[in-house]
């Protein structure tokens, strides 16, 4: 991320990014957070693409199977 923004202090709003590491793709969301007491944080959440899409792929397989069964019953 540092190469993308130049400085972490330059991140002023929510950012959504993708990156790859060791052949695995990740979705990343970076949220700046600050308060009146001087707290100034960046909250980063990284989720592997395979985890994110696992439920979607399972539902797609179930839908295809149900469609196939429906076609056979006609």
PDB file of N, CA and C in Angstrom:
ATOM      1  N   UNK A   1       0.821  -1.186   0.000  1.00  0.00           N
ATOM      2  CA  UNK A   1       0.000   0.000   0.000  1.00  0.00           C
ATOM      3  C   UNK A   1       0.868   1.255   0.000  1.00  0.00           C
ATOM      4  N   UNK A   2       2.011   1.169   0.660  1.00  0.00           N
ATOM      5  CA  UNK A   2       2.865   2.353   0.760  1.00  0.00           C
ATOM      6  C   UNK A   2       3.266   2.848  -0.627  1.00  0.00           C
ATOM      7  N   UNK A   3       3.544   1.922  -1.544  1.00  0.00           N
ATOM      8  CA  UNK A   3       3.920   2.307  -2.908  1.00  0.00           C
ATOM      9  C   UNK A   3       2.767   2.996  -3.627  1.00  0.00           C
ATOM     10  N   UNK A   4       1.545   2.616  -3.305  1.00  0.00           N
ATOM     11  CA  UNK A   4       0.365   3.164  -3.969  1.00  0.00           C
ATOM     12  C   UNK A   4       0.064   4.595  -3.522  1.00  0.00           C
ATOM     13  N   UNK A   5       0.216   4.879  -2.226  1.00  0.00           N
ATOM     14  CA  UNK A   5      -0.162   6.186  -1.689  1.00  0.00           C
ATOM     15  C   UNK A   5       1.025   7.114  -1.443  1.00  0.00           C
ATOM     16  N   UNK A   6       2.222   6.576  -1.306  1.00  0.00           N
ATOM     17  CA  UNK A   6       3.379   7.407  -1.020  1.00  0.00           C
ATOM     18  C   UNK A   6       3.589   7.598   0.470  1.00  0.00           C
ATOM     19  N   UNK A   7       2.534   7.776   1.221  1.00  0.00           N
ATOM     20  CA  UNK A   7       2.615   7.937   2.669  1.00  0.00           C
ATOM     21  C   UNK A   7       1.271   7.549   3.266  1.00  0.00           C
ATOM     22  N   UNK A   8       1.315   6.851   4.366  1.00  0.00           N
ATOM     23  CA  UNK A   8       0.065   6.461   5.004  1.00  0.00           C
ATOM     24  C   UNK A   8      -0.723   7.683   5.472  1.00  0.00           C
ATOM     25  N   UNK A   9      -0.052   8.779   5.771  1.00  0.00           N
ATOM     26  CA  UNK A   9      -0.723  10.004   6.182  1.00  0.00           C
ATOM     27  C   UNK A   9      -1.555  10.625   5.075  1.00  0.00           C
ATOM     28  N   UNK A  10      -1.300  10.218   3.829  1.00  0.00           N
ATOM     29  CA  UNK A  10      -2.051  10.746   2.687  1.00  0.00           C
ATOM     30  C   UNK A  10      -3.413  10.085   2.511  1.00  0.00           C
ATOM     31  N   UNK A  11      -3.699   9.037   3.263  1.00  0.00           N
ATOM     32  CA  UNK A  11      -4.980   8.343   3.153  1.00  0.00           C
ATOM     33  C   UNK A  11      -5.985   9.090   4.018  1.00  0.00           C
ATOM     34  N   UNK A  12      -6.903   9.798   3.387  1.00  0.00           N
ATOM     35  CA  UNK A  12      -7.879  10.630   4.104  1.00  0.00           C
ATOM     36  C   UNK A  12      -9.300  10.079   4.031  1.00  0.00           C
ATOM     37  N   UNK A  13      -9.542   9.112   3.153  1.00  0.00           N
ATOM     38  CA  UNK A  13     -10.874   8.540   3.018  1.00  0.00           C
ATOM     39  C   UNK A  13     -10.766   7.044   2.771  1.00  0.00           C
ATOM     40  N   UNK A  14     -11.904   6.355   2.866  1.00  0.00           N
ATOM     41  CA  UNK A  14     -11.946   4.911   2.688  1.00  0.00           C
ATOM     42  C   UNK A  14     -11.362   4.528   1.326  1.00  0.00           C
ATOM     43  N   UNK A  15     -10.537   3.502   1.325  1.00  0.00           N
ATOM     44  CA  UNK A  15      -9.934   3.001   0.095  1.00  0.00           C
ATOM     45  C   UNK A  15     -10.181   1.504  -0.009  1.00  0.00           C
ATOM     46  N   UNK A  16     -10.467   1.051  -1.221  1.00  0.00           N
ATOM     47  CA  UNK A  16     -10.618  -0.372  -1.476  1.00  0.00           C
ATOM     48  C   UNK A  16      -9.560  -0.764  -2.494  1.00  0.00           C
ATOM     49  N   UNK A  17      -8.795  -1.811  -2.167  1.00  0.00           N
ATOM     50  CA  UNK A  17      -7.676  -2.227  -2.993  1.00  0.00           C
ATOM     51  C   UNK A  17      -7.680  -3.740  -3.162  1.00  0.00           C
ATOM     52  N   UNK A  18      -6.884  -4.204  -4.109  1.00  0.00           N
ATOM     53  CA  UNK A  18      -6.621  -5.623  -4.292  1.00  0.00           C
ATOM     54  C   UNK A  18      -5.119  -5.796  -4.396  1.00  0.00           C
ATOM     55  N   UNK A  19      -4.607  -6.903  -3.858  1.00  0.00           N
ATOM     56  CA  UNK A  19      -3.205  -7.223  -4.054  1.00  0.00           C
ATOM     57  C   UNK A  19      -3.032  -8.735  -4.033  1.00  0.00           C
ATOM     58  N   UNK A  20      -1.901  -9.182  -4.534  1.00  0.00           N
ATOM     59  CA  UNK A  20      -1.579 -10.609  -4.559  1.00  0.00           C
ATOM     60  C   UNK A  20      -0.325 -10.853  -3.746  1.00  0.00           C
ATOM     61  N   UNK A  21      -0.326 -11.986  -3.066  1.00  0.00           N
ATOM     62  CA  UNK A  21       0.859 -12.396  -2.319  1.00  0.00           C
ATOM     63  C   UNK A  21       0.902 -13.915  -2.310  1.00  0.00           C
ATOM     64  N   UNK A  22       2.026 -14.469  -2.691  1.00  0.00           N
ATOM     65  CA  UNK A  22       2.212 -15.919  -2.756  1.00  0.00           C
ATOM     66  C   UNK A  22       1.134 -16.599  -3.590  1.00  0.00           C
ATOM     67  N   UNK A  23       0.731 -15.960  -4.693  1.00  0.00           N
ATOM     68  CA  UNK A  23      -0.257 -16.533  -5.586  1.00  0.00           C
ATOM     69  C   UNK A  23      -1.692 -16.410  -5.113  1.00  0.00           C
ATOM     70  N   UNK A  24      -1.916 -15.784  -3.984  1.00  0.00           N
ATOM     71  CA  UNK A  24      -3.262 -15.607  -3.422  1.00  0.00           C
ATOM     72  C   UNK A  24      -3.674 -14.147  -3.572  1.00  0.00           C
ATOM     73  N   UNK A  25      -4.908 -13.920  -4.066  1.00  0.00           N
ATOM     74  CA  UNK A  25      -5.414 -12.551  -4.182  1.00  0.00           C
ATOM     75  C   UNK A  25      -6.159 -12.166  -2.909  1.00  0.00           C
ATOM     76  N   UNK A  26      -6.051 -10.874  -2.536  1.00  0.00           N
ATOM     77  CA  UNK A  26      -6.699 -10.353  -1.343  1.00  0.00           C
ATOM     78  C   UNK A  26      -7.471  -9.095  -1.691  1.00  0.00           C
ATOM     79  N   UNK A  27      -8.630  -8.927  -1.038  1.00  0.00           N
ATOM     80  CA  UNK A  27      -9.363  -7.669  -1.065  1.00  0.00           C
ATOM     81  C   UNK A  27      -8.998  -6.931   0.219  1.00  0.00           C
ATOM     82  N   UNK A  28      -8.707  -5.634   0.098  1.00  0.00           N
ATOM     83  CA  UNK A  28      -8.301  -4.840   1.259  1.00  0.00           C
ATOM     84  C   UNK A  28      -9.150  -3.579   1.319  1.00  0.00           C
ATOM     85  N   UNK A  29      -9.583  -3.236   2.520  1.00  0.00           N
ATOM     86  CA  UNK A  29     -10.266  -1.970   2.738  1.00  0.00           C
ATOM     87  C   UNK A  29      -9.515  -1.237   3.840  1.00  0.00           C
ATOM     88  N   UNK A  30      -9.193   0.032   3.579  1.00  0.00           N
ATOM     89  CA  UNK A  30      -8.474   0.856   4.546  1.00  0.00           C
ATOM     90  C   UNK A  30      -9.386   2.006   4.952  1.00  0.00           C
ATOM     91  N   UNK A  31      -9.567   2.156   6.260  1.00  0.00           N
ATOM     92  CA  UNK A  31     -10.442   3.192   6.801  1.00  0.00           C
ATOM     93  C   UNK A  31      -9.638   4.095   7.736  1.00  0.00           C
ATOM     94  N   UNK A  32      -9.589   5.384   7.461  1.00  0.00           N
ATOM     95  CA  UNK A  32      -8.951   6.285   8.429  1.00  0.00           C
ATOM     96  C   UNK A  32      -9.899   6.526   9.607  1.00  0.00           C
ATOM     97  N   UNK A  33      -9.328   6.637  10.801  1.00  0.00           N
ATOM     98  CA  UNK A  33     -10.126   6.894  11.999  1.00  0.00           C
ATOM     99  C   UNK A  33      -9.378   7.893  12.872  1.00  0.00           C
ATOM    100  N   UNK A  34     -10.064   8.937  13.262  1.00  0.00           N
ATOM    101  CA  UNK A  34      -9.474   9.901  14.197  1.00  0.00           C
ATOM    102  C   UNK A  34     -10.566  10.409  15.121  1.00  0.00           C
ATOM    103  N   UNK A  35     -10.144  10.901  16.290  1.00  0.00           N
ATOM    104  CA  UNK A  35     -11.115  11.431  17.232  1.00  0.00           C
ATOM    105  C   UNK A  35     -10.606  12.740  17.835  1.00  0.00           C
ATOM    106  N   UNK A  36     -11.417  13.336  18.696  1.00  0.00           N
ATOM    107  CA  UNK A  36     -11.087  14.636  19.272  1.00  0.00           C
ATOM    108  C   UNK A  36      -9.920  14.573  20.255  1.00  0.00           C
ATOM    109  N   UNK A  37      -9.529  13.368  20.681  1.00  0.00           N
ATOM    110  CA  UNK A  37      -8.436  13.204  21.636  1.00  0.00           C
ATOM    111  C   UNK A  37      -7.079  13.028  20.960  1.00  0.00           C
ATOM    112  N   UNK A  38      -7.057  13.121  19.641  1.00  0.00           N
ATOM    113  CA  UNK A  38      -5.801  13.020  18.903  1.00  0.00           C
ATOM    114  C   UNK A  38      -5.475  11.643  18.363  1.00  0.00           C
ATOM    115  N   UNK A  39      -6.382  10.708  18.543  1.00  0.00           N
ATOM    116  CA  UNK A  39      -6.169   9.376  17.999  1.00  0.00           C
ATOM    117  C   UNK A  39      -6.251   9.458  16.477  1.00  0.00           C
ATOM    118  N   UNK A  40      -5.268   8.932  15.793  1.00  0.00           N
ATOM    119  CA  UNK A  40      -5.217   9.003  14.330  1.00  0.00           C
ATOM    120  C   UNK A  40      -4.749   7.642  13.814  1.00  0.00           C
ATOM    121  N   UNK A  41      -5.694   6.792  13.476  1.00  0.00           N
ATOM    122  CA  UNK A  41      -5.401   5.422  13.068  1.00  0.00           C
ATOM    123  C   UNK A  41      -5.824   5.175  11.631  1.00  0.00           C
ATOM    124  N   UNK A  42      -5.212   4.162  11.045  1.00  0.00           N
ATOM    125  CA  UNK A  42      -5.695   3.558   9.804  1.00  0.00           C
ATOM    126  C   UNK A  42      -6.093   2.133  10.150  1.00  0.00           C
ATOM    127  N   UNK A  43      -7.316   1.784   9.847  1.00  0.00           N
ATOM    128  CA  UNK A  43      -7.807   0.430  10.085  1.00  0.00           C
ATOM    129  C   UNK A  43      -7.810  -0.281   8.741  1.00  0.00           C
ATOM    130  N   UNK A  44      -7.072  -1.377   8.656  1.00  0.00           N
ATOM    131  CA  UNK A  44      -6.983  -2.130   7.405  1.00  0.00           C
ATOM    132  C   UNK A  44      -7.575  -3.521   7.611  1.00  0.00           C
ATOM    133  N   UNK A  45      -8.426  -3.923   6.679  1.00  0.00           N
ATOM    134  CA  UNK A  45      -9.057  -5.237   6.719  1.00  0.00           C
ATOM    135  C   UNK A  45      -8.706  -5.941   5.411  1.00  0.00           C
ATOM    136  N   UNK A  46      -8.083  -7.109   5.518  1.00  0.00           N
ATOM    137  CA  UNK A  46      -7.714  -7.884   4.337  1.00  0.00           C
ATOM    138  C   UNK A  46      -8.428  -9.229   4.392  1.00  0.00           C
ATOM    139  N   UNK A  47      -9.086  -9.590   3.281  1.00  0.00           N
ATOM    140  CA  UNK A  47      -9.813 -10.851   3.185  1.00  0.00           C
ATOM    141  C   UNK A  47      -9.336 -11.569   1.931  1.00  0.00           C
ATOM    142  N   UNK A  48      -8.920 -12.839   2.058  1.00  0.00           N
ATOM    143  CA  UNK A  48      -8.543 -13.584   0.855  1.00  0.00           C
ATOM    144  C   UNK A  48      -9.736 -13.701  -0.104  1.00  0.00           C
ATOM    145  N   UNK A  49      -9.453 -13.528  -1.372  1.00  0.00           N
ATOM    146  CA  UNK A  49     -10.510 -13.604  -2.383  1.00  0.00           C
ATOM    147  C   UNK A  49     -11.222 -14.955  -2.326  1.00  0.00           C
ATOM    148  N   UNK A  50     -10.476 -16.024  -2.075  1.00  0.00           N
ATOM    149  CA  UNK A  50     -11.087 -17.360  -2.029  1.00  0.00           C
ATOM    150  C   UNK A  50     -12.094 -17.462  -0.887  1.00  0.00           C
ATOM    151  N   UNK A  51     -11.819 -16.851   0.264  1.00  0.00           N
ATOM    152  CA  UNK A  51     -12.783 -16.860   1.374  1.00  0.00           C
ATOM    153  C   UNK A  51     -14.010 -16.033   1.035  1.00  0.00           C
ATOM    154  N   UNK A  52     -13.795 -14.903   0.402  1.00  0.00           N
ATOM    155  CA  UNK A  52     -14.891 -14.006   0.047  1.00  0.00           C
ATOM    156  C   UNK A  52     -15.834 -14.654  -0.958  1.00  0.00           C
ATOM    157  N   UNK A  53     -15.279 -15.373  -1.926  1.00  0.00           N
ATOM    158  CA  UNK A  53     -16.092 -15.951  -3.000  1.00  0.00           C
ATOM    159  C   UNK A  53     -16.571 -17.371  -2.719  1.00  0.00           C
ATOM    160  N   UNK A  54     -16.122 -17.986  -1.632  1.00  0.00           N
ATOM    161  CA  UNK A  54     -16.469 -19.380  -1.359  1.00  0.00           C
ATOM    162  C   UNK A  54     -17.979 -19.585  -1.270  1.00  0.00           C
ATOM    163  N   UNK A  55     -18.673 -18.751  -0.515  1.00  0.00           N
ATOM    164  CA  UNK A  55     -20.129 -18.886  -0.362  1.00  0.00           C
ATOM    165  C   UNK A  55     -20.846 -18.620  -1.687  1.00  0.00           C
ATOM    166  N   UNK A  56     -20.373 -17.647  -2.444  1.00  0.00           N
ATOM    167  CA  UNK A  56     -20.981 -17.341  -3.746  1.00  0.00           C
ATOM    168  C   UNK A  56     -20.833 -18.527  -4.684  1.00  0.00           C
ATOM    169  N   UNK A  57     -19.647 -19.133  -4.707  1.00  0.00           N
ATOM    170  CA  UNK A  57     -19.425 -20.298  -5.572  1.00  0.00           C
ATOM    171  C   UNK A  57     -20.289 -21.483  -5.147  1.00  0.00           C
ATOM    172  N   UNK A  58     -20.431 -21.686  -3.831  1.00  0.00           N
ATOM    173  CA  UNK A  58     -21.304 -22.772  -3.339  1.00  0.00           C
ATOM    174  C   UNK A  58     -22.745 -22.544  -3.769  1.00  0.00           C
ATOM    175  N   UNK A  59     -23.231 -21.313  -3.637  1.00  0.00           N
ATOM    176  CA  UNK A  59     -24.609 -21.003  -4.033  1.00  0.00           C
ATOM    177  C   UNK A  59     -24.807 -21.174  -5.533  1.00  0.00           C
ATOM    178  N   UNK A  60     -23.809 -20.821  -6.319  1.00  0.00           N
ATOM    179  CA  UNK A  60     -23.891 -20.997  -7.775  1.00  0.00           C
ATOM    180  C   UNK A  60     -24.001 -22.475  -8.128  1.00  0.00           C
ATOM    181  N   UNK A  61     -23.209 -23.314  -7.477  1.00  0.00           N
ATOM    182  CA  UNK A  61     -23.263 -24.748  -7.734  1.00  0.00           C
ATOM    183  C   UNK A  61     -24.632 -25.316  -7.355  1.00  0.00           C
ATOM    184  N   UNK A  62     -25.171 -24.873  -6.234  1.00  0.00           N
ATOM    185  CA  UNK A  62     -26.494 -25.329  -5.805  1.00  0.00           C
ATOM    186  C   UNK A  62     -27.564 -24.898  -6.802  1.00  0.00           C
ATOM    187  N   UNK A  63     -27.483 -23.683  -7.286  1.00  0.00           N
ATOM    188  CA  UNK A  63     -28.455 -23.173  -8.258  1.00  0.00           C
ATOM    189  C   UNK A  63     -28.397 -23.971  -9.555  1.00  0.00           C
ATOM    190  N   UNK A  64     -27.205 -24.254 -10.042  1.00  0.00           N
ATOM    191  CA  UNK A  64     -27.053 -25.039 -11.276  1.00  0.00           C
ATOM    192  C   UNK A  64     -27.626 -26.436 -11.074  1.00  0.00           C
ATOM    193  N   UNK A  65     -27.353 -27.040  -9.935  1.00  0.00           N
ATOM    194  CA  UNK A  65     -27.883 -28.376  -9.652  1.00  0.00           C
ATOM    195  C   UNK A  65     -29.408 -28.367  -9.605  1.00  0.00           C
ATOM    196  N   UNK A  66     -29.992 -27.377  -8.944  1.00  0.00           N
ATOM    197  CA  UNK A  66     -31.455 -27.289  -8.873  1.00  0.00           C
ATOM    198  C   UNK A  66     -32.078 -27.052 -10.249  1.00  0.00           C
ATOM    199  N   UNK A  67     -31.434 -26.250 -11.061  1.00  0.00           N
ATOM    200  CA  UNK A  67     -31.935 -26.033 -12.428  1.00  0.00           C
ATOM    201  C   UNK A  67     -31.889 -27.321 -13.244  1.00  0.00           C
ATOM    202  N   UNK A  68     -30.800 -28.064 -13.079  1.00  0.00           N
ATOM    203  CA  UNK A  68     -30.661 -29.332 -13.797  1.00  0.00           C
ATOM    204  C   UNK A  68     -31.746 -30.311 -13.361  1.00  0.00           C
ATOM    205  N   UNK A  69     -32.005 -30.399 -12.054  1.00  0.00           N
ATOM    206  CA  UNK A  69     -33.055 -31.283 -11.540  1.00  0.00           C
ATOM    207  C   UNK A  69     -34.419 -30.846 -12.062  1.00  0.00           C
ATOM    208  N   UNK A  70     -34.673 -29.547 -12.099  1.00  0.00           N
ATOM    209  CA  UNK A  70     -35.947 -29.029 -12.601  1.00  0.00           C
ATOM    210  C   UNK A  70     -36.135 -29.380 -14.074  1.00  0.00           C
ATOM    211  N   UNK A  71     -35.063 -29.296 -14.859  1.00  0.00           N
ATOM    212  CA  UNK A  71     -35.159 -29.650 -16.274  1.00  0.00           C
ATOM    213  C   UNK A  71     -35.438 -31.142 -16.465  1.00  0.00           C
ATOM    214  N   UNK A  72     -34.868 -31.984 -15.630  1.00  0.00           N
ATOM    215  CA  UNK A  72     -35.077 -33.434 -15.740  1.00  0.00           C
ATOM    216  C   UNK A  72     -36.517 -33.814 -15.386  1.00  0.00           C
ATOM    217  N   UNK A  73     -37.141 -33.069 -14.503  1.00  0.00           N
ATOM    218  CA  UNK A  73     -38.495 -33.402 -14.050  1.00  0.00           C
ATOM    219  C   UNK A  73     -39.549 -33.041 -15.094  1.00  0.00           C
ATOM    220  N   UNK A  74     -39.202 -32.234 -16.073  1.00  0.00           N
ATOM    221  CA  UNK A  74     -40.205 -31.821 -17.062  1.00  0.00           C
ATOM    222  C   UNK A  74     -40.345 -32.821 -18.136  1.00  0.00           C
TER     223      UNK A  74
END
